[in-house]
Amino acid sequence: MDTAGRPREFAKDRALEQALILFWAKGYRSTSIQALSSAMDIDPKSIYAAFGSKEELYLSALERYTATYDARIWGGMPPGQTNRERVCAVLERAAKYLSRTEVTPGGCMITFAALGEETTDRISQIARGHRAYRLGLLRNWLRAAKDKGELRSSANIVDLSLLYFAGFHGIAVQAKDGANADELTAIAKLLIAAWPGR
């Protein structure tokens, strides 16, 4: 029984990756079930049978994006890193990983999820939660940096976190519009240069 089930799971996993790439490139509303069927290489009935609905498929793809592509930027900070180094790493990694490749579209799926009328209320709420969590990470790192003397005592943590988060989203927008990794890295370096040290 287990052996028979494995190929289906691998096929589902591969199909979800294809759906992720399509949603990432085109967004929720602009991606039709027919386009998903073609990209995933399964018929529409199988999509509904495996995922329940287009909305559920998108949320599964967003969860996969968060655990894989997004984690390369926001996760895996080495032990012993300073908080300044963590903020800098997010911007540098964004410049590296959000640029368009032969496999992935440019930009950040979480940044562009739930903008305007692009998605459902449920997707909007979940995407806002993801963005709020990442802003919270920046704010925590900046607060810790201030406590440890990595930032000047007059630095405004709220304003600074919004600046760097806006910078991250700016890199994502430029990446979606086709900016290459070198151009995005230049943006990241300018943002890093704005760090208000002691």
N, C-alpha and C. Protein backbone atom coordinates (compact mmCIF):
# COMPACT_ATOMS: atom_id res chain seq x y z
N MET A 1 0.83 -1.21 0.00
CA MET A 1 0.00 0.00 0.00
C MET A 1 0.86 1.26 0.00
N ASP A 2 1.92 1.28 0.86
CA ASP A 2 2.78 2.44 0.93
C ASP A 2 3.50 2.69 -0.39
N THR A 3 4.01 1.60 -0.98
CA THR A 3 4.74 1.72 -2.24
C THR A 3 3.85 2.26 -3.34
N ALA A 4 2.60 1.81 -3.34
CA ALA A 4 1.68 2.27 -4.39
C ALA A 4 1.34 3.73 -4.22
N GLY A 5 1.35 4.22 -2.99
CA GLY A 5 0.97 5.61 -2.76
C GLY A 5 2.06 6.61 -3.06
N ARG A 6 3.30 6.21 -3.03
CA ARG A 6 4.39 7.15 -3.17
C ARG A 6 4.41 7.89 -4.51
N PRO A 7 4.23 7.21 -5.64
CA PRO A 7 4.26 7.94 -6.91
C PRO A 7 3.23 9.06 -6.97
N ARG A 8 2.02 8.81 -6.40
CA ARG A 8 1.00 9.85 -6.41
C ARG A 8 1.44 11.06 -5.60
N GLU A 9 2.09 10.83 -4.43
CA GLU A 9 2.55 11.93 -3.62
C GLU A 9 3.64 12.73 -4.34
N PHE A 10 4.58 12.02 -4.98
CA PHE A 10 5.62 12.72 -5.70
C PHE A 10 5.02 13.52 -6.85
N ALA A 11 4.03 12.96 -7.53
CA ALA A 11 3.38 13.67 -8.63
C ALA A 11 2.66 14.90 -8.11
N LYS A 12 2.02 14.79 -6.97
CA LYS A 12 1.31 15.93 -6.38
C LYS A 12 2.30 17.02 -6.00
N ASP A 13 3.43 16.62 -5.43
CA ASP A 13 4.45 17.57 -5.02
C ASP A 13 5.00 18.32 -6.23
N ARG A 14 5.25 17.61 -7.30
CA ARG A 14 5.77 18.21 -8.52
C ARG A 14 4.73 19.15 -9.14
N ALA A 15 3.48 18.73 -9.11
CA ALA A 15 2.40 19.55 -9.66
C ALA A 15 2.24 20.83 -8.84
N LEU A 16 2.39 20.73 -7.52
CA LEU A 16 2.27 21.92 -6.67
C LEU A 16 3.38 22.92 -6.97
N GLU A 17 4.57 22.42 -7.24
CA GLU A 17 5.69 23.31 -7.58
C GLU A 17 5.38 24.07 -8.88
N GLN A 18 4.79 23.40 -9.84
CA GLN A 18 4.44 24.06 -11.10
C GLN A 18 3.35 25.10 -10.89
N ALA A 19 2.39 24.80 -10.02
CA ALA A 19 1.34 25.76 -9.69
C ALA A 19 1.95 26.98 -8.99
N LEU A 20 2.89 26.73 -8.08
CA LEU A 20 3.57 27.81 -7.36
C LEU A 20 4.22 28.78 -8.35
N ILE A 21 4.97 28.24 -9.31
CA ILE A 21 5.68 29.08 -10.27
C ILE A 21 4.68 29.91 -11.08
N LEU A 22 3.57 29.30 -11.47
CA LEU A 22 2.58 30.02 -12.26
C LEU A 22 1.89 31.12 -11.45
N PHE A 23 1.49 30.81 -10.22
CA PHE A 23 0.88 31.82 -9.35
C PHE A 23 1.88 32.95 -9.06
N TRP A 24 3.11 32.59 -8.83
CA TRP A 24 4.17 33.57 -8.54
C TRP A 24 4.33 34.53 -9.72
N ALA A 25 4.26 34.00 -10.91
CA ALA A 25 4.47 34.82 -12.11
C ALA A 25 3.26 35.68 -12.46
N LYS A 26 2.05 35.12 -12.30
CA LYS A 26 0.86 35.78 -12.82
C LYS A 26 -0.11 36.29 -11.76
N GLY A 27 0.02 35.81 -10.53
CA GLY A 27 -0.93 36.20 -9.50
C GLY A 27 -2.13 35.27 -9.47
N TYR A 28 -2.99 35.50 -8.50
CA TYR A 28 -4.12 34.60 -8.27
C TYR A 28 -5.21 34.73 -9.34
N ARG A 29 -5.75 35.92 -9.51
CA ARG A 29 -6.90 36.08 -10.42
C ARG A 29 -6.53 35.86 -11.87
N SER A 30 -5.30 36.21 -12.24
CA SER A 30 -4.89 36.09 -13.65
C SER A 30 -4.51 34.66 -14.02
N THR A 31 -4.48 33.77 -13.05
CA THR A 31 -4.13 32.38 -13.32
C THR A 31 -5.40 31.54 -13.39
N SER A 32 -5.71 31.05 -14.56
CA SER A 32 -6.92 30.27 -14.74
C SER A 32 -6.71 28.80 -14.39
N ILE A 33 -7.80 28.11 -14.15
CA ILE A 33 -7.72 26.67 -13.90
C ILE A 33 -7.16 25.96 -15.13
N GLN A 34 -7.52 26.45 -16.32
CA GLN A 34 -7.00 25.83 -17.54
C GLN A 34 -5.48 25.97 -17.61
N ALA A 35 -4.96 27.16 -17.26
CA ALA A 35 -3.52 27.37 -17.27
C ALA A 35 -2.84 26.50 -16.22
N LEU A 36 -3.48 26.38 -15.06
CA LEU A 36 -2.93 25.51 -14.00
C LEU A 36 -2.91 24.05 -14.45
N SER A 37 -3.98 23.64 -15.10
CA SER A 37 -4.08 22.27 -15.58
C SER A 37 -2.94 21.96 -16.55
N SER A 38 -2.66 22.91 -17.44
CA SER A 38 -1.60 22.72 -18.41
C SER A 38 -0.23 22.69 -17.73
N ALA A 39 0.00 23.62 -16.81
CA ALA A 39 1.30 23.69 -16.13
C ALA A 39 1.55 22.49 -15.24
N MET A 40 0.49 22.03 -14.56
CA MET A 40 0.62 20.92 -13.61
C MET A 40 0.54 19.56 -14.30
N ASP A 41 0.10 19.58 -15.56
CA ASP A 41 -0.05 18.36 -16.36
C ASP A 41 -1.06 17.39 -15.74
N ILE A 42 -2.14 17.95 -15.20
CA ILE A 42 -3.25 17.15 -14.71
C ILE A 42 -4.54 17.83 -15.12
N ASP A 43 -5.63 17.09 -15.21
CA ASP A 43 -6.88 17.69 -15.64
C ASP A 43 -7.52 18.48 -14.50
N PRO A 44 -8.41 19.42 -14.81
CA PRO A 44 -9.03 20.26 -13.78
C PRO A 44 -9.71 19.46 -12.67
N LYS A 45 -10.36 18.35 -13.02
CA LYS A 45 -11.02 17.55 -11.99
C LYS A 45 -10.01 17.02 -10.97
N SER A 46 -8.83 16.67 -11.44
CA SER A 46 -7.79 16.17 -10.54
C SER A 46 -7.26 17.28 -9.63
N ILE A 47 -7.24 18.52 -10.15
CA ILE A 47 -6.83 19.65 -9.32
C ILE A 47 -7.80 19.81 -8.15
N TYR A 48 -9.10 19.79 -8.45
CA TYR A 48 -10.10 19.94 -7.39
C TYR A 48 -10.07 18.75 -6.43
N ALA A 49 -9.83 17.56 -6.96
CA ALA A 49 -9.79 16.36 -6.12
C ALA A 49 -8.60 16.40 -5.16
N ALA A 50 -7.47 16.91 -5.65
CA ALA A 50 -6.25 16.92 -4.84
C ALA A 50 -6.17 18.10 -3.89
N PHE A 51 -6.71 19.26 -4.30
CA PHE A 51 -6.51 20.47 -3.51
C PHE A 51 -7.81 21.12 -3.02
N GLY A 52 -8.94 20.72 -3.56
CA GLY A 52 -10.22 21.23 -3.07
C GLY A 52 -10.76 22.41 -3.84
N SER A 53 -9.94 23.39 -4.13
CA SER A 53 -10.37 24.58 -4.84
C SER A 53 -9.14 25.34 -5.32
N LYS A 54 -9.36 26.32 -6.18
CA LYS A 54 -8.26 27.16 -6.64
C LYS A 54 -7.66 27.93 -5.46
N GLU A 55 -8.51 28.40 -4.56
CA GLU A 55 -8.03 29.13 -3.39
C GLU A 55 -7.13 28.25 -2.53
N GLU A 56 -7.57 27.02 -2.28
CA GLU A 56 -6.77 26.10 -1.46
C GLU A 56 -5.45 25.76 -2.16
N LEU A 57 -5.49 25.62 -3.48
CA LEU A 57 -4.27 25.36 -4.23
C LEU A 57 -3.30 26.53 -4.07
N TYR A 58 -3.82 27.75 -4.19
CA TYR A 58 -2.96 28.93 -4.03
C TYR A 58 -2.34 28.97 -2.63
N LEU A 59 -3.14 28.70 -1.61
CA LEU A 59 -2.63 28.72 -0.24
C LEU A 59 -1.58 27.64 -0.03
N SER A 60 -1.77 26.48 -0.65
CA SER A 60 -0.76 25.42 -0.57
C SER A 60 0.53 25.87 -1.26
N ALA A 61 0.38 26.56 -2.40
CA ALA A 61 1.55 27.06 -3.12
C ALA A 61 2.24 28.15 -2.30
N LEU A 62 1.47 29.01 -1.66
CA LEU A 62 2.05 30.07 -0.83
C LEU A 62 2.80 29.49 0.37
N GLU A 63 2.24 28.46 0.95
CA GLU A 63 2.91 27.78 2.07
C GLU A 63 4.22 27.16 1.60
N ARG A 64 4.20 26.55 0.43
CA ARG A 64 5.43 25.97 -0.12
C ARG A 64 6.46 27.05 -0.42
N TYR A 65 6.01 28.17 -0.98
CA TYR A 65 6.91 29.28 -1.26
C TYR A 65 7.57 29.77 0.03
N THR A 66 6.76 29.92 1.07
CA THR A 66 7.26 30.40 2.36
C THR A 66 8.33 29.48 2.93
N ALA A 67 8.10 28.17 2.80
CA ALA A 67 9.01 27.18 3.40
C ALA A 67 10.27 26.95 2.56
N THR A 68 10.26 27.39 1.31
CA THR A 68 11.40 27.11 0.44
C THR A 68 12.06 28.40 -0.04
N TYR A 69 11.48 29.06 -1.01
CA TYR A 69 12.09 30.24 -1.61
C TYR A 69 12.24 31.39 -0.60
N ASP A 70 11.19 31.67 0.15
CA ASP A 70 11.24 32.78 1.10
C ASP A 70 12.20 32.49 2.25
N ALA A 71 12.30 31.22 2.63
CA ALA A 71 13.19 30.84 3.73
C ALA A 71 14.65 31.10 3.39
N ARG A 72 15.00 31.10 2.11
CA ARG A 72 16.38 31.39 1.72
C ARG A 72 16.76 32.83 2.08
N ILE A 73 15.76 33.70 2.17
CA ILE A 73 16.00 35.11 2.47
C ILE A 73 15.90 35.39 3.97
N TRP A 74 14.84 34.92 4.58
CA TRP A 74 14.54 35.30 5.96
C TRP A 74 15.00 34.27 7.00
N GLY A 75 15.31 33.07 6.58
CA GLY A 75 15.67 32.02 7.53
C GLY A 75 17.16 31.72 7.53
N GLY A 76 17.54 30.75 8.36
CA GLY A 76 18.90 30.23 8.36
C GLY A 76 19.97 31.23 8.70
N MET A 77 19.69 32.15 9.63
CA MET A 77 20.72 33.10 10.05
C MET A 77 21.76 32.37 10.92
N PRO A 78 23.04 32.46 10.56
CA PRO A 78 24.08 31.72 11.30
C PRO A 78 24.15 32.16 12.77
N PRO A 79 24.46 31.24 13.68
CA PRO A 79 24.67 31.60 15.08
C PRO A 79 25.82 32.60 15.21
N GLY A 80 25.67 33.52 16.12
CA GLY A 80 26.74 34.49 16.34
C GLY A 80 26.66 35.72 15.47
N GLN A 81 25.72 35.74 14.51
CA GLN A 81 25.55 36.93 13.69
C GLN A 81 25.07 38.10 14.54
N THR A 82 25.56 39.28 14.22
CA THR A 82 25.00 40.46 14.87
C THR A 82 23.63 40.76 14.26
N ASN A 83 22.87 41.59 14.93
CA ASN A 83 21.55 41.94 14.41
C ASN A 83 21.67 42.81 13.16
N ARG A 84 22.71 43.62 13.10
CA ARG A 84 22.95 44.39 11.88
C ARG A 84 23.22 43.44 10.71
N GLU A 85 24.01 42.42 10.96
CA GLU A 85 24.31 41.45 9.90
C GLU A 85 23.05 40.73 9.44
N ARG A 86 22.10 40.50 10.32
CA ARG A 86 20.84 39.85 9.94
C ARG A 86 20.02 40.74 9.01
N VAL A 87 19.92 42.01 9.36
CA VAL A 87 19.19 42.95 8.50
C VAL A 87 19.87 43.05 7.14
N CYS A 88 21.19 43.18 7.16
CA CYS A 88 21.94 43.27 5.90
C CYS A 88 21.76 42.00 5.07
N ALA A 89 21.75 40.84 5.74
CA ALA A 89 21.61 39.57 5.03
C ALA A 89 20.29 39.49 4.30
N VAL A 90 19.20 39.95 4.92
CA VAL A 90 17.89 39.94 4.27
C VAL A 90 17.94 40.73 2.97
N LEU A 91 18.53 41.93 3.02
CA LEU A 91 18.59 42.77 1.82
C LEU A 91 19.50 42.16 0.75
N GLU A 92 20.64 41.65 1.17
CA GLU A 92 21.57 41.04 0.21
C GLU A 92 21.00 39.77 -0.41
N ARG A 93 20.36 38.96 0.42
CA ARG A 93 19.74 37.74 -0.10
C ARG A 93 18.59 38.06 -1.03
N ALA A 94 17.82 39.09 -0.68
CA ALA A 94 16.71 39.49 -1.55
C ALA A 94 17.23 39.86 -2.94
N ALA A 95 18.33 40.62 -2.96
CA ALA A 95 18.93 41.00 -4.25
C ALA A 95 19.37 39.78 -5.04
N LYS A 96 19.86 38.77 -4.33
CA LYS A 96 20.35 37.56 -4.99
C LYS A 96 19.22 36.65 -5.45
N TYR A 97 18.24 36.42 -4.58
CA TYR A 97 17.26 35.38 -4.85
C TYR A 97 15.95 35.86 -5.50
N LEU A 98 15.71 37.16 -5.50
CA LEU A 98 14.45 37.63 -6.09
C LEU A 98 14.59 37.99 -7.56
N SER A 99 15.81 38.02 -8.07
CA SER A 99 15.97 38.31 -9.50
C SER A 99 15.46 37.14 -10.32
N ARG A 100 15.02 37.43 -11.51
CA ARG A 100 14.45 36.40 -12.39
C ARG A 100 15.51 35.41 -12.84
N THR A 101 15.12 34.14 -12.89
CA THR A 101 16.01 33.10 -13.40
C THR A 101 15.30 32.34 -14.52
N GLU A 102 15.96 31.33 -15.07
CA GLU A 102 15.32 30.52 -16.11
C GLU A 102 14.17 29.69 -15.54
N VAL A 103 14.18 29.49 -14.23
CA VAL A 103 13.16 28.65 -13.59
C VAL A 103 12.11 29.46 -12.87
N THR A 104 12.53 30.52 -12.19
CA THR A 104 11.61 31.28 -11.34
C THR A 104 11.39 32.70 -11.87
N PRO A 105 10.19 33.23 -11.67
CA PRO A 105 9.93 34.63 -12.05
C PRO A 105 10.57 35.57 -11.05
N GLY A 106 10.73 36.81 -11.39
CA GLY A 106 11.30 37.77 -10.48
C GLY A 106 10.30 38.22 -9.44
N GLY A 107 10.80 38.74 -8.34
CA GLY A 107 9.94 39.29 -7.30
C GLY A 107 9.65 38.30 -6.18
N CYS A 108 8.80 38.73 -5.28
CA CYS A 108 8.46 37.95 -4.08
C CYS A 108 6.97 37.64 -4.09
N MET A 109 6.63 36.37 -4.03
CA MET A 109 5.22 35.96 -4.06
C MET A 109 4.44 36.55 -2.89
N ILE A 110 5.07 36.63 -1.72
CA ILE A 110 4.38 37.17 -0.54
C ILE A 110 4.16 38.67 -0.69
N THR A 111 5.11 39.37 -1.27
CA THR A 111 4.96 40.81 -1.48
C THR A 111 3.77 41.11 -2.36
N PHE A 112 3.60 40.33 -3.42
CA PHE A 112 2.56 40.64 -4.39
C PHE A 112 1.23 39.94 -4.13
N ALA A 113 1.20 39.03 -3.16
CA ALA A 113 -0.06 38.38 -2.82
C ALA A 113 -0.99 39.38 -2.14
N ALA A 114 -2.24 39.36 -2.51
CA ALA A 114 -3.29 40.12 -1.84
C ALA A 114 -3.14 41.62 -1.98
N LEU A 115 -2.67 42.08 -3.13
CA LEU A 115 -2.66 43.51 -3.39
C LEU A 115 -3.91 43.89 -4.16
N GLY A 116 -4.61 44.92 -3.72
CA GLY A 116 -5.84 45.34 -4.37
C GLY A 116 -6.89 44.24 -4.34
N GLU A 117 -7.45 43.94 -5.50
CA GLU A 117 -8.47 42.91 -5.61
C GLU A 117 -7.90 41.63 -6.20
N GLU A 118 -6.59 41.46 -6.05
CA GLU A 118 -5.90 40.33 -6.68
C GLU A 118 -6.34 38.99 -6.12
N THR A 119 -6.69 38.92 -4.84
CA THR A 119 -6.97 37.64 -4.21
C THR A 119 -8.25 37.69 -3.37
N THR A 120 -8.58 36.59 -2.76
CA THR A 120 -9.75 36.50 -1.91
C THR A 120 -9.44 37.10 -0.54
N ASP A 121 -10.49 37.34 0.25
CA ASP A 121 -10.29 37.90 1.59
C ASP A 121 -9.42 36.99 2.45
N ARG A 122 -9.62 35.69 2.32
CA ARG A 122 -8.85 34.75 3.13
C ARG A 122 -7.37 34.79 2.76
N ILE A 123 -7.08 34.80 1.47
CA ILE A 123 -5.69 34.89 1.03
C ILE A 123 -5.09 36.22 1.47
N SER A 124 -5.85 37.30 1.36
CA SER A 124 -5.36 38.61 1.78
C SER A 124 -4.96 38.60 3.24
N GLN A 125 -5.80 38.01 4.08
CA GLN A 125 -5.52 37.97 5.51
C GLN A 125 -4.25 37.17 5.80
N ILE A 126 -4.11 36.03 5.15
CA ILE A 126 -2.93 35.19 5.38
C ILE A 126 -1.66 35.87 4.87
N ALA A 127 -1.74 36.50 3.70
CA ALA A 127 -0.57 37.19 3.15
C ALA A 127 -0.16 38.36 4.03
N ARG A 128 -1.14 39.12 4.52
CA ARG A 128 -0.81 40.22 5.43
C ARG A 128 -0.14 39.70 6.70
N GLY A 129 -0.57 38.55 7.16
CA GLY A 129 0.04 37.94 8.34
C GLY A 129 1.51 37.59 8.09
N HIS A 130 1.79 37.05 6.90
CA HIS A 130 3.18 36.73 6.55
C HIS A 130 4.03 38.00 6.52
N ARG A 131 3.49 39.06 5.92
CA ARG A 131 4.26 40.30 5.83
C ARG A 131 4.45 40.92 7.21
N ALA A 132 3.42 40.86 8.05
CA ALA A 132 3.53 41.41 9.40
C ALA A 132 4.59 40.66 10.21
N TYR A 133 4.66 39.35 10.03
CA TYR A 133 5.65 38.55 10.74
C TYR A 133 7.07 38.97 10.34
N ARG A 134 7.29 39.20 9.06
CA ARG A 134 8.62 39.58 8.59
C ARG A 134 8.99 40.99 9.05
N LEU A 135 8.02 41.89 9.06
CA LEU A 135 8.27 43.22 9.61
C LEU A 135 8.62 43.11 11.10
N GLY A 136 7.94 42.22 11.79
CA GLY A 136 8.24 42.00 13.20
C GLY A 136 9.65 41.48 13.42
N LEU A 137 10.12 40.61 12.53
CA LEU A 137 11.50 40.12 12.63
C LEU A 137 12.49 41.29 12.52
N LEU A 138 12.29 42.13 11.51
CA LEU A 138 13.16 43.29 11.35
C LEU A 138 13.13 44.16 12.60
N ARG A 139 11.94 44.38 13.12
CA ARG A 139 11.80 45.26 14.30
C ARG A 139 12.52 44.67 15.50
N ASN A 140 12.40 43.36 15.68
CA ASN A 140 13.09 42.70 16.80
C ASN A 140 14.60 42.79 16.66
N TRP A 141 15.11 42.56 15.43
CA TRP A 141 16.55 42.64 15.21
C TRP A 141 17.05 44.06 15.46
N LEU A 142 16.29 45.02 14.99
CA LEU A 142 16.71 46.42 15.17
C LEU A 142 16.67 46.82 16.64
N ARG A 143 15.66 46.38 17.35
CA ARG A 143 15.57 46.69 18.78
C ARG A 143 16.74 46.07 19.53
N ALA A 144 17.06 44.82 19.18
CA ALA A 144 18.20 44.16 19.82
C ALA A 144 19.51 44.85 19.45
N ALA A 145 19.61 45.31 18.20
CA ALA A 145 20.82 46.03 17.77
C ALA A 145 20.99 47.31 18.57
N LYS A 146 19.90 48.00 18.83
CA LYS A 146 19.96 49.23 19.62
C LYS A 146 20.39 48.93 21.05
N ASP A 147 19.83 47.87 21.62
CA ASP A 147 20.17 47.49 23.00
C ASP A 147 21.66 47.14 23.13
N LYS A 148 22.24 46.59 22.06
CA LYS A 148 23.64 46.15 22.10
C LYS A 148 24.61 47.19 21.57
N GLY A 149 24.11 48.37 21.27
CA GLY A 149 24.98 49.44 20.82
C GLY A 149 25.35 49.39 19.35
N GLU A 150 24.66 48.55 18.56
CA GLU A 150 24.93 48.50 17.12
C GLU A 150 24.25 49.65 16.39
N LEU A 151 23.29 50.26 17.04
CA LEU A 151 22.58 51.42 16.52
C LEU A 151 22.76 52.58 17.49
N ARG A 152 22.74 53.79 16.97
CA ARG A 152 22.81 54.94 17.87
C ARG A 152 21.57 55.01 18.75
N SER A 153 21.72 55.55 19.91
CA SER A 153 20.65 55.54 20.91
C SER A 153 19.43 56.34 20.46
N SER A 154 19.60 57.26 19.54
CA SER A 154 18.48 58.09 19.07
C SER A 154 17.70 57.44 17.92
N ALA A 155 18.15 56.29 17.46
CA ALA A 155 17.49 55.64 16.31
C ALA A 155 16.05 55.28 16.64
N ASN A 156 15.15 55.57 15.71
CA ASN A 156 13.73 55.24 15.87
C ASN A 156 13.49 53.86 15.25
N ILE A 157 13.22 52.88 16.10
CA ILE A 157 13.12 51.49 15.65
C ILE A 157 11.94 51.29 14.69
N VAL A 158 10.80 51.88 15.00
CA VAL A 158 9.62 51.72 14.15
C VAL A 158 9.89 52.28 12.76
N ASP A 159 10.39 53.52 12.72
CA ASP A 159 10.66 54.15 11.42
C ASP A 159 11.72 53.38 10.63
N LEU A 160 12.75 52.94 11.33
CA LEU A 160 13.85 52.24 10.65
C LEU A 160 13.39 50.88 10.11
N SER A 161 12.55 50.18 10.88
CA SER A 161 12.05 48.88 10.40
C SER A 161 11.18 49.07 9.16
N LEU A 162 10.39 50.14 9.14
CA LEU A 162 9.55 50.41 7.97
C LEU A 162 10.41 50.78 6.76
N LEU A 163 11.50 51.51 7.01
CA LEU A 163 12.42 51.85 5.91
C LEU A 163 13.01 50.60 5.28
N TYR A 164 13.53 49.70 6.10
CA TYR A 164 14.17 48.51 5.56
C TYR A 164 13.15 47.54 4.95
N PHE A 165 11.96 47.50 5.53
CA PHE A 165 10.93 46.62 4.94
C PHE A 165 10.46 47.18 3.61
N ALA A 166 10.33 48.52 3.54
CA ALA A 166 9.97 49.15 2.26
C ALA A 166 11.08 48.91 1.24
N GLY A 167 12.35 48.93 1.71
CA GLY A 167 13.46 48.63 0.81
C GLY A 167 13.40 47.22 0.27
N PHE A 168 13.06 46.28 1.16
CA PHE A 168 12.90 44.88 0.71
C PHE A 168 11.82 44.79 -0.37
N HIS A 169 10.68 45.42 -0.13
CA HIS A 169 9.59 45.38 -1.12
C HIS A 169 9.99 46.09 -2.41
N GLY A 170 10.77 47.17 -2.27
CA GLY A 170 11.26 47.86 -3.47
C GLY A 170 12.14 46.97 -4.31
N ILE A 171 13.01 46.21 -3.66
CA ILE A 171 13.84 45.24 -4.39
C ILE A 171 12.95 44.22 -5.10
N ALA A 172 11.89 43.77 -4.41
CA ALA A 172 10.97 42.79 -5.00
C ALA A 172 10.28 43.35 -6.24
N VAL A 173 9.85 44.62 -6.17
CA VAL A 173 9.18 45.25 -7.31
C VAL A 173 10.13 45.39 -8.49
N GLN A 174 11.34 45.87 -8.21
CA GLN A 174 12.32 46.02 -9.29
C GLN A 174 12.68 44.67 -9.90
N ALA A 175 12.75 43.64 -9.06
CA ALA A 175 13.04 42.30 -9.58
C ALA A 175 11.94 41.81 -10.50
N LYS A 176 10.70 42.06 -10.11
CA LYS A 176 9.57 41.65 -10.95
C LYS A 176 9.58 42.38 -12.29
N ASP A 177 10.06 43.62 -12.26
CA ASP A 177 10.13 44.41 -13.50
C ASP A 177 11.37 44.10 -14.33
N GLY A 178 12.21 43.15 -13.85
CA GLY A 178 13.31 42.68 -14.68
C GLY A 178 14.70 43.12 -14.28
N ALA A 179 14.83 43.85 -13.15
CA ALA A 179 16.17 44.25 -12.71
C ALA A 179 17.00 43.01 -12.41
N ASN A 180 18.29 43.07 -12.76
CA ASN A 180 19.15 41.90 -12.53
C ASN A 180 19.75 41.94 -11.13
N ALA A 181 20.49 40.90 -10.77
CA ALA A 181 21.03 40.78 -9.42
C ALA A 181 22.00 41.90 -9.10
N ASP A 182 22.79 42.35 -10.05
CA ASP A 182 23.74 43.44 -9.81
C ASP A 182 23.00 44.74 -9.49
N GLU A 183 21.95 45.01 -10.24
CA GLU A 183 21.16 46.22 -10.00
C GLU A 183 20.46 46.16 -8.65
N LEU A 184 19.96 44.99 -8.30
CA LEU A 184 19.28 44.83 -7.02
C LEU A 184 20.27 44.93 -5.86
N THR A 185 21.48 44.42 -6.07
CA THR A 185 22.51 44.50 -5.04
C THR A 185 22.90 45.95 -4.78
N ALA A 186 22.91 46.77 -5.83
CA ALA A 186 23.21 48.19 -5.66
C ALA A 186 22.18 48.86 -4.75
N ILE A 187 20.91 48.49 -4.92
CA ILE A 187 19.85 49.02 -4.06
C ILE A 187 20.09 48.58 -2.62
N ALA A 188 20.39 47.29 -2.45
CA ALA A 188 20.63 46.76 -1.11
C ALA A 188 21.79 47.49 -0.42
N LYS A 189 22.85 47.77 -1.16
CA LYS A 189 24.00 48.44 -0.57
C LYS A 189 23.66 49.86 -0.13
N LEU A 190 22.83 50.55 -0.89
CA LEU A 190 22.41 51.90 -0.51
C LEU A 190 21.58 51.87 0.77
N LEU A 191 20.72 50.87 0.88
CA LEU A 191 19.92 50.72 2.10
C LEU A 191 20.80 50.40 3.30
N ILE A 192 21.77 49.53 3.09
CA ILE A 192 22.68 49.16 4.18
C ILE A 192 23.50 50.37 4.61
N ALA A 193 23.88 51.21 3.66
CA ALA A 193 24.67 52.41 3.97
C ALA A 193 23.90 53.39 4.84
N ALA A 194 22.57 53.27 4.83
CA ALA A 194 21.74 54.19 5.63
C ALA A 194 21.67 53.76 7.10
N TRP A 195 22.33 52.66 7.45
CA TRP A 195 22.32 52.19 8.84
C TRP A 195 22.88 53.26 9.78
N PRO A 196 22.09 53.71 10.74
CA PRO A 196 22.58 54.75 11.65
C PRO A 196 23.40 54.17 12.79
N GLY A 197 24.70 54.06 12.57
CA GLY A 197 25.57 53.49 13.58
C GLY A 197 25.73 54.40 14.79
N ARG A 198 26.68 54.09 15.59
CA ARG A 198 26.89 54.84 16.83
C ARG A 198 27.19 56.31 16.56
